């Protein structure tokens, strides 16, 4: 039912839509803004209650920034 509800508001969706379109584009114009957004992304699994700490999430680049072994290869910013 929820998937059908969100599909009603997206003309490109079929009968159902798995995600909502509530994201907002933000220009990353300063290092502080980049750091803030990166921390927000890293904190999502912990806020959702999936892990205790952001670097505990196996598929997160937070592990790279904590100097832990990671499945993801990144270029640090």
PDB file of N, CA and C in Angstrom:
ATOM      1  N   UNK A   1       0.818  -1.189   0.000  1.00  0.00           N
ATOM      2  CA  UNK A   1       0.000   0.000   0.000  1.00  0.00           C
ATOM      3  C   UNK A   1       0.868   1.262   0.000  1.00  0.00           C
ATOM      4  N   UNK A   2       1.927   1.301   0.818  1.00  0.00           N
ATOM      5  CA  UNK A   2       2.817   2.465   0.877  1.00  0.00           C
ATOM      6  C   UNK A   2       3.506   2.666  -0.472  1.00  0.00           C
ATOM      7  N   UNK A   3       3.922   1.569  -1.106  1.00  0.00           N
ATOM      8  CA  UNK A   3       4.611   1.666  -2.389  1.00  0.00           C
ATOM      9  C   UNK A   3       3.690   2.226  -3.470  1.00  0.00           C
ATOM     10  N   UNK A   4       2.427   1.864  -3.423  1.00  0.00           N
ATOM     11  CA  UNK A   4       1.459   2.386  -4.389  1.00  0.00           C
ATOM     12  C   UNK A   4       1.215   3.877  -4.148  1.00  0.00           C
ATOM     13  N   UNK A   5       1.164   4.278  -2.892  1.00  0.00           N
ATOM     14  CA  UNK A   5       0.945   5.681  -2.544  1.00  0.00           C
ATOM     15  C   UNK A   5       2.032   6.564  -3.148  1.00  0.00           C
ATOM     16  N   UNK A   6       3.308   6.190  -2.973  1.00  0.00           N
ATOM     17  CA  UNK A   6       4.406   7.016  -3.480  1.00  0.00           C
ATOM     18  C   UNK A   6       4.471   6.995  -4.997  1.00  0.00           C
ATOM     19  N   UNK A   7       4.040   5.930  -5.624  1.00  0.00           N
ATOM     20  CA  UNK A   7       4.044   5.859  -7.087  1.00  0.00           C
ATOM     21  C   UNK A   7       3.051   6.852  -7.687  1.00  0.00           C
ATOM     22  N   UNK A   8       1.989   7.180  -6.970  1.00  0.00           N
ATOM     23  CA  UNK A   8       0.986   8.125  -7.476  1.00  0.00           C
ATOM     24  C   UNK A   8       1.580   9.490  -7.770  1.00  0.00           C
ATOM     25  N   UNK A   9       2.632   9.863  -7.046  1.00  0.00           N
ATOM     26  CA  UNK A   9       3.202  11.201  -7.162  1.00  0.00           C
ATOM     27  C   UNK A   9       4.401  11.267  -8.107  1.00  0.00           C
ATOM     28  N   UNK A  10       4.708  10.175  -8.784  1.00  0.00           N
ATOM     29  CA  UNK A  10       5.838  10.139  -9.704  1.00  0.00           C
ATOM     30  C   UNK A  10       5.350   9.610 -11.041  1.00  0.00           C
ATOM     31  N   UNK A  11       5.313  10.478 -12.040  1.00  0.00           N
ATOM     32  CA  UNK A  11       4.786  10.066 -13.337  1.00  0.00           C
ATOM     33  C   UNK A  11       5.672   9.045 -14.039  1.00  0.00           C
ATOM     34  N   UNK A  12       6.954   8.909 -13.615  1.00  0.00           N
ATOM     35  CA  UNK A  12       7.848   7.929 -14.232  1.00  0.00           C
ATOM     36  C   UNK A  12       7.774   6.571 -13.551  1.00  0.00           C
ATOM     37  N   UNK A  13       7.102   6.487 -12.415  1.00  0.00           N
ATOM     38  CA  UNK A  13       6.999   5.209 -11.697  1.00  0.00           C
ATOM     39  C   UNK A  13       5.870   4.380 -12.299  1.00  0.00           C
ATOM     40  N   UNK A  14       5.929   3.099 -12.067  1.00  0.00           N
ATOM     41  CA  UNK A  14       4.844   2.221 -12.479  1.00  0.00           C
ATOM     42  C   UNK A  14       3.741   2.271 -11.443  1.00  0.00           C
ATOM     43  N   UNK A  15       3.247   1.107 -11.067  1.00  0.00           N
ATOM     44  CA  UNK A  15       2.176   1.046 -10.083  1.00  0.00           C
ATOM     45  C   UNK A  15       2.690   1.171  -8.654  1.00  0.00           C
ATOM     46  N   UNK A  16       3.988   0.878  -8.448  1.00  0.00           N
ATOM     47  CA  UNK A  16       4.564   0.949  -7.113  1.00  0.00           C
ATOM     48  C   UNK A  16       5.941   1.599  -7.178  1.00  0.00           C
ATOM     49  N   UNK A  17       6.344   2.220  -6.076  1.00  0.00           N
ATOM     50  CA  UNK A  17       7.662   2.865  -5.996  1.00  0.00           C
ATOM     51  C   UNK A  17       8.272   2.531  -4.642  1.00  0.00           C
ATOM     52  N   UNK A  18       9.514   2.057  -4.651  1.00  0.00           N
ATOM     53  CA  UNK A  18      10.167   1.599  -3.429  1.00  0.00           C
ATOM     54  C   UNK A  18      10.666   2.743  -2.551  1.00  0.00           C
ATOM     55  N   UNK A  19      11.038   3.896  -3.118  1.00  0.00           N
ATOM     56  CA  UNK A  19      11.598   4.998  -2.339  1.00  0.00           C
ATOM     57  C   UNK A  19      10.808   6.268  -2.590  1.00  0.00           C
ATOM     58  N   UNK A  20      10.933   7.218  -1.680  1.00  0.00           N
ATOM     59  CA  UNK A  20      10.296   8.519  -1.846  1.00  0.00           C
ATOM     60  C   UNK A  20      11.286   9.459  -2.509  1.00  0.00           C
ATOM     61  N   UNK A  21      10.788  10.548  -3.042  1.00  0.00           N
ATOM     62  CA  UNK A  21      11.643  11.539  -3.695  1.00  0.00           C
ATOM     63  C   UNK A  21      11.703  12.788  -2.825  1.00  0.00           C
ATOM     64  N   UNK A  22      12.297  12.646  -1.661  1.00  0.00           N
ATOM     65  CA  UNK A  22      12.371  13.757  -0.726  1.00  0.00           C
ATOM     66  C   UNK A  22      13.798  14.250  -0.540  1.00  0.00           C
ATOM     67  N   UNK A  23      14.686  13.889  -1.453  1.00  0.00           N
ATOM     68  CA  UNK A  23      16.059  14.374  -1.329  1.00  0.00           C
ATOM     69  C   UNK A  23      16.153  15.774  -1.928  1.00  0.00           C
ATOM     70  N   UNK A  24      17.124  16.524  -1.470  1.00  0.00           N
ATOM     71  CA  UNK A  24      17.304  17.902  -1.922  1.00  0.00           C
ATOM     72  C   UNK A  24      18.760  18.088  -2.334  1.00  0.00           C
ATOM     73  N   UNK A  25      18.964  18.498  -3.564  1.00  0.00           N
ATOM     74  CA  UNK A  25      20.321  18.722  -4.054  1.00  0.00           C
ATOM     75  C   UNK A  25      20.947  19.897  -3.304  1.00  0.00           C
ATOM     76  N   UNK A  26      22.185  19.730  -2.906  1.00  0.00           N
ATOM     77  CA  UNK A  26      22.913  20.770  -2.185  1.00  0.00           C
ATOM     78  C   UNK A  26      24.285  20.908  -2.831  1.00  0.00           C
ATOM     79  N   UNK A  27      24.683  22.145  -3.140  1.00  0.00           N
ATOM     80  CA  UNK A  27      26.005  22.383  -3.697  1.00  0.00           C
ATOM     81  C   UNK A  27      27.051  22.234  -2.596  1.00  0.00           C
ATOM     82  N   UNK A  28      28.032  21.395  -2.846  1.00  0.00           N
ATOM     83  CA  UNK A  28      29.102  21.175  -1.871  1.00  0.00           C
ATOM     84  C   UNK A  28      30.232  22.142  -2.179  1.00  0.00           C
ATOM     85  N   UNK A  29      30.120  23.338  -1.657  1.00  0.00           N
ATOM     86  CA  UNK A  29      31.032  24.411  -2.051  1.00  0.00           C
ATOM     87  C   UNK A  29      32.190  24.648  -1.076  1.00  0.00           C
ATOM     88  N   UNK A  30      32.113  24.073   0.124  1.00  0.00           N
ATOM     89  CA  UNK A  30      33.198  24.262   1.084  1.00  0.00           C
ATOM     90  C   UNK A  30      33.596  22.908   1.672  1.00  0.00           C
ATOM     91  N   UNK A  31      34.804  22.843   2.207  1.00  0.00           N
ATOM     92  CA  UNK A  31      35.248  21.607   2.855  1.00  0.00           C
ATOM     93  C   UNK A  31      34.367  21.266   4.055  1.00  0.00           C
ATOM     94  N   UNK A  32      33.938  22.281   4.783  1.00  0.00           N
ATOM     95  CA  UNK A  32      33.065  22.061   5.937  1.00  0.00           C
ATOM     96  C   UNK A  32      31.741  21.422   5.504  1.00  0.00           C
ATOM     97  N   UNK A  33      31.178  21.909   4.414  1.00  0.00           N
ATOM     98  CA  UNK A  33      29.921  21.353   3.928  1.00  0.00           C
ATOM     99  C   UNK A  33      30.112  19.903   3.471  1.00  0.00           C
ATOM    100  N   UNK A  34      31.221  19.625   2.807  1.00  0.00           N
ATOM    101  CA  UNK A  34      31.516  18.254   2.373  1.00  0.00           C
ATOM    102  C   UNK A  34      31.639  17.344   3.591  1.00  0.00           C
ATOM    103  N   UNK A  35      32.377  17.780   4.605  1.00  0.00           N
ATOM    104  CA  UNK A  35      32.536  16.985   5.825  1.00  0.00           C
ATOM    105  C   UNK A  35      31.193  16.742   6.510  1.00  0.00           C
ATOM    106  N   UNK A  36      30.356  17.764   6.570  1.00  0.00           N
ATOM    107  CA  UNK A  36      29.042  17.641   7.206  1.00  0.00           C
ATOM    108  C   UNK A  36      28.190  16.604   6.494  1.00  0.00           C
ATOM    109  N   UNK A  37      28.158  16.659   5.180  1.00  0.00           N
ATOM    110  CA  UNK A  37      27.354  15.702   4.398  1.00  0.00           C
ATOM    111  C   UNK A  37      27.924  14.291   4.494  1.00  0.00           C
ATOM    112  N   UNK A  38      29.230  14.171   4.466  1.00  0.00           N
ATOM    113  CA  UNK A  38      29.866  12.857   4.575  1.00  0.00           C
ATOM    114  C   UNK A  38      29.556  12.230   5.933  1.00  0.00           C
ATOM    115  N   UNK A  39      29.644  13.017   6.993  1.00  0.00           N
ATOM    116  CA  UNK A  39      29.301  12.514   8.327  1.00  0.00           C
ATOM    117  C   UNK A  39      27.838  12.117   8.414  1.00  0.00           C
ATOM    118  N   UNK A  40      26.967  12.889   7.782  1.00  0.00           N
ATOM    119  CA  UNK A  40      25.532  12.565   7.760  1.00  0.00           C
ATOM    120  C   UNK A  40      25.315  11.191   7.110  1.00  0.00           C
ATOM    121  N   UNK A  41      25.957  10.959   5.976  1.00  0.00           N
ATOM    122  CA  UNK A  41      25.830   9.679   5.270  1.00  0.00           C
ATOM    123  C   UNK A  41      26.397   8.543   6.117  1.00  0.00           C
ATOM    124  N   UNK A  42      27.555   8.775   6.707  1.00  0.00           N
ATOM    125  CA  UNK A  42      28.177   7.747   7.544  1.00  0.00           C
ATOM    126  C   UNK A  42      27.322   7.417   8.763  1.00  0.00           C
ATOM    127  N   UNK A  43      26.644   8.401   9.325  1.00  0.00           N
ATOM    128  CA  UNK A  43      25.845   8.197  10.536  1.00  0.00           C
ATOM    129  C   UNK A  43      24.511   7.496  10.283  1.00  0.00           C
ATOM    130  N   UNK A  44      24.048   7.447   9.043  1.00  0.00           N
ATOM    131  CA  UNK A  44      22.726   6.873   8.751  1.00  0.00           C
ATOM    132  C   UNK A  44      22.529   5.454   9.292  1.00  0.00           C
ATOM    133  N   UNK A  45      23.440   4.508   9.083  1.00  0.00           N
ATOM    134  CA  UNK A  45      23.207   3.156   9.618  1.00  0.00           C
ATOM    135  C   UNK A  45      23.121   3.116  11.145  1.00  0.00           C
ATOM    136  N   UNK A  46      23.877   3.964  11.818  1.00  0.00           N
ATOM    137  CA  UNK A  46      23.816   4.013  13.283  1.00  0.00           C
ATOM    138  C   UNK A  46      22.497   4.641  13.740  1.00  0.00           C
ATOM    139  N   UNK A  47      22.060   5.700  13.069  1.00  0.00           N
ATOM    140  CA  UNK A  47      20.781   6.330  13.416  1.00  0.00           C
ATOM    141  C   UNK A  47      19.618   5.370  13.187  1.00  0.00           C
ATOM    142  N   UNK A  48      19.743   4.518  12.170  1.00  0.00           N
ATOM    143  CA  UNK A  48      18.690   3.542  11.876  1.00  0.00           C
ATOM    144  C   UNK A  48      18.701   2.380  12.866  1.00  0.00           C
ATOM    145  N   UNK A  49      19.745   2.296  13.681  1.00  0.00           N
ATOM    146  CA  UNK A  49      19.837   1.230  14.664  1.00  0.00           C
ATOM    147  C   UNK A  49      20.406  -0.071  14.123  1.00  0.00           C
ATOM    148  N   UNK A  50      20.985  -0.020  12.941  1.00  0.00           N
ATOM    149  CA  UNK A  50      21.559  -1.229  12.330  1.00  0.00           C
ATOM    150  C   UNK A  50      22.902  -1.582  12.963  1.00  0.00           C
ATOM    151  N   UNK A  51      23.638  -0.560  13.392  1.00  0.00           N
ATOM    152  CA  UNK A  51      24.964  -0.757  13.999  1.00  0.00           C
ATOM    153  C   UNK A  51      25.106   0.204  15.173  1.00  0.00           C
ATOM    154  N   UNK A  52      26.098  -0.068  16.013  1.00  0.00           N
ATOM    155  CA  UNK A  52      26.364   0.800  17.164  1.00  0.00           C
ATOM    156  C   UNK A  52      27.094   2.073  16.735  1.00  0.00           C
ATOM    157  N   UNK A  53      28.127   1.905  15.897  1.00  0.00           N
ATOM    158  CA  UNK A  53      28.949   3.020  15.417  1.00  0.00           C
ATOM    159  C   UNK A  53      28.956   3.010  13.886  1.00  0.00           C
ATOM    160  N   UNK A  54      29.076   4.177  13.240  1.00  0.00           N
ATOM    161  CA  UNK A  54      29.076   4.229  11.774  1.00  0.00           C
ATOM    162  C   UNK A  54      30.098   3.296  11.131  1.00  0.00           C
ATOM    163  N   UNK A  55      31.287   3.184  11.721  1.00  0.00           N
ATOM    164  CA  UNK A  55      32.329   2.341  11.115  1.00  0.00           C
ATOM    165  C   UNK A  55      32.046   0.852  11.284  1.00  0.00           C
ATOM    166  N   UNK A  56      31.023   0.497  12.054  1.00  0.00           N
ATOM    167  CA  UNK A  56      30.638  -0.911  12.193  1.00  0.00           C
ATOM    168  C   UNK A  56      29.855  -1.419  10.981  1.00  0.00           C
ATOM    169  N   UNK A  57      29.330  -0.502  10.172  1.00  0.00           N
ATOM    170  CA  UNK A  57      28.555  -0.901   8.995  1.00  0.00           C
ATOM    171  C   UNK A  57      29.521  -1.344   7.892  1.00  0.00           C
ATOM    172  N   UNK A  58      29.429  -2.596   7.512  1.00  0.00           N
ATOM    173  CA  UNK A  58      30.390  -3.220   6.614  1.00  0.00           C
ATOM    174  C   UNK A  58      30.506  -2.515   5.256  1.00  0.00           C
ATOM    175  N   UNK A  59      29.424  -1.953   4.747  1.00  0.00           N
ATOM    176  CA  UNK A  59      29.410  -1.363   3.409  1.00  0.00           C
ATOM    177  C   UNK A  59      29.520   0.159   3.432  1.00  0.00           C
ATOM    178  N   UNK A  60      30.182   0.696   4.440  1.00  0.00           N
ATOM    179  CA  UNK A  60      30.310   2.141   4.573  1.00  0.00           C
ATOM    180  C   UNK A  60      31.762   2.574   4.440  1.00  0.00           C
ATOM    181  N   UNK A  61      31.971   3.714   3.815  1.00  0.00           N
ATOM    182  CA  UNK A  61      33.315   4.274   3.744  1.00  0.00           C
ATOM    183  C   UNK A  61      33.748   4.844   5.095  1.00  0.00           C
ATOM    184  N   UNK A  62      32.853   4.863   6.071  1.00  0.00           N
ATOM    185  CA  UNK A  62      33.244   5.285   7.422  1.00  0.00           C
ATOM    186  C   UNK A  62      34.370   4.394   7.938  1.00  0.00           C
ATOM    187  N   UNK A  63      34.386   3.147   7.493  1.00  0.00           N
ATOM    188  CA  UNK A  63      35.455   2.221   7.886  1.00  0.00           C
ATOM    189  C   UNK A  63      36.807   2.714   7.368  1.00  0.00           C
ATOM    190  N   UNK A  64      36.846   3.235   6.163  1.00  0.00           N
ATOM    191  CA  UNK A  64      38.083   3.764   5.594  1.00  0.00           C
ATOM    192  C   UNK A  64      38.597   4.943   6.420  1.00  0.00           C
ATOM    193  N   UNK A  65      37.686   5.836   6.788  1.00  0.00           N
ATOM    194  CA  UNK A  65      38.069   7.022   7.540  1.00  0.00           C
ATOM    195  C   UNK A  65      38.482   6.676   8.966  1.00  0.00           C
ATOM    196  N   UNK A  66      38.086   5.492   9.458  1.00  0.00           N
ATOM    197  CA  UNK A  66      38.486   5.030  10.793  1.00  0.00           C
ATOM    198  C   UNK A  66      39.720   4.125  10.703  1.00  0.00           C
ATOM    199  N   UNK A  67      40.346   4.086   9.521  1.00  0.00           N
ATOM    200  CA  UNK A  67      41.534   3.251   9.278  1.00  0.00           C
ATOM    201  C   UNK A  67      41.280   1.778   9.584  1.00  0.00           C
ATOM    202  N   UNK A  68      40.098   1.307   9.176  1.00  0.00           N
ATOM    203  CA  UNK A  68      39.727  -0.093   9.337  1.00  0.00           C
ATOM    204  C   UNK A  68      39.700  -0.772   7.969  1.00  0.00           C
ATOM    205  N   UNK A  69      39.781  -2.085   7.958  1.00  0.00           N
ATOM    206  CA  UNK A  69      39.660  -2.836   6.712  1.00  0.00           C
ATOM    207  C   UNK A  69      38.262  -2.594   6.142  1.00  0.00           C
ATOM    208  N   UNK A  70      38.193  -2.399   4.826  1.00  0.00           N
ATOM    209  CA  UNK A  70      36.919  -2.049   4.199  1.00  0.00           C
ATOM    210  C   UNK A  70      36.730  -2.783   2.883  1.00  0.00           C
ATOM    211  N   UNK A  71      35.476  -2.979   2.523  1.00  0.00           N
ATOM    212  CA  UNK A  71      35.150  -3.558   1.219  1.00  0.00           C
ATOM    213  C   UNK A  71      35.143  -2.502   0.128  1.00  0.00           C
ATOM    214  N   UNK A  72      35.135  -1.246   0.531  1.00  0.00           N
ATOM    215  CA  UNK A  72      35.006  -0.131  -0.401  1.00  0.00           C
ATOM    216  C   UNK A  72      36.352   0.574  -0.544  1.00  0.00           C
ATOM    217  N   UNK A  73      36.745   0.806  -1.785  1.00  0.00           N
ATOM    218  CA  UNK A  73      37.973   1.559  -2.048  1.00  0.00           C
ATOM    219  C   UNK A  73      37.588   3.014  -2.298  1.00  0.00           C
ATOM    220  N   UNK A  74      38.241   3.914  -1.592  1.00  0.00           N
ATOM    221  CA  UNK A  74      37.901   5.344  -1.740  1.00  0.00           C
ATOM    222  C   UNK A  74      39.161   6.167  -1.972  1.00  0.00           C
ATOM    223  N   UNK A  75      38.932   7.368  -2.464  1.00  0.00           N
ATOM    224  CA  UNK A  75      39.962   8.405  -2.488  1.00  0.00           C
ATOM    225  C   UNK A  75      39.561   9.401  -1.428  1.00  0.00           C
ATOM    226  N   UNK A  76      40.358   9.566  -0.402  1.00  0.00           N
ATOM    227  CA  UNK A  76      40.007  10.486   0.686  1.00  0.00           C
ATOM    228  C   UNK A  76      39.958  11.923   0.195  1.00  0.00           C
ATOM    229  N   UNK A  77      39.021  12.662   0.750  1.00  0.00           N
ATOM    230  CA  UNK A  77      38.858  14.076   0.392  1.00  0.00           C
ATOM    231  C   UNK A  77      39.382  14.957   1.489  1.00  0.00           C
TER     232      UNK A  77
END
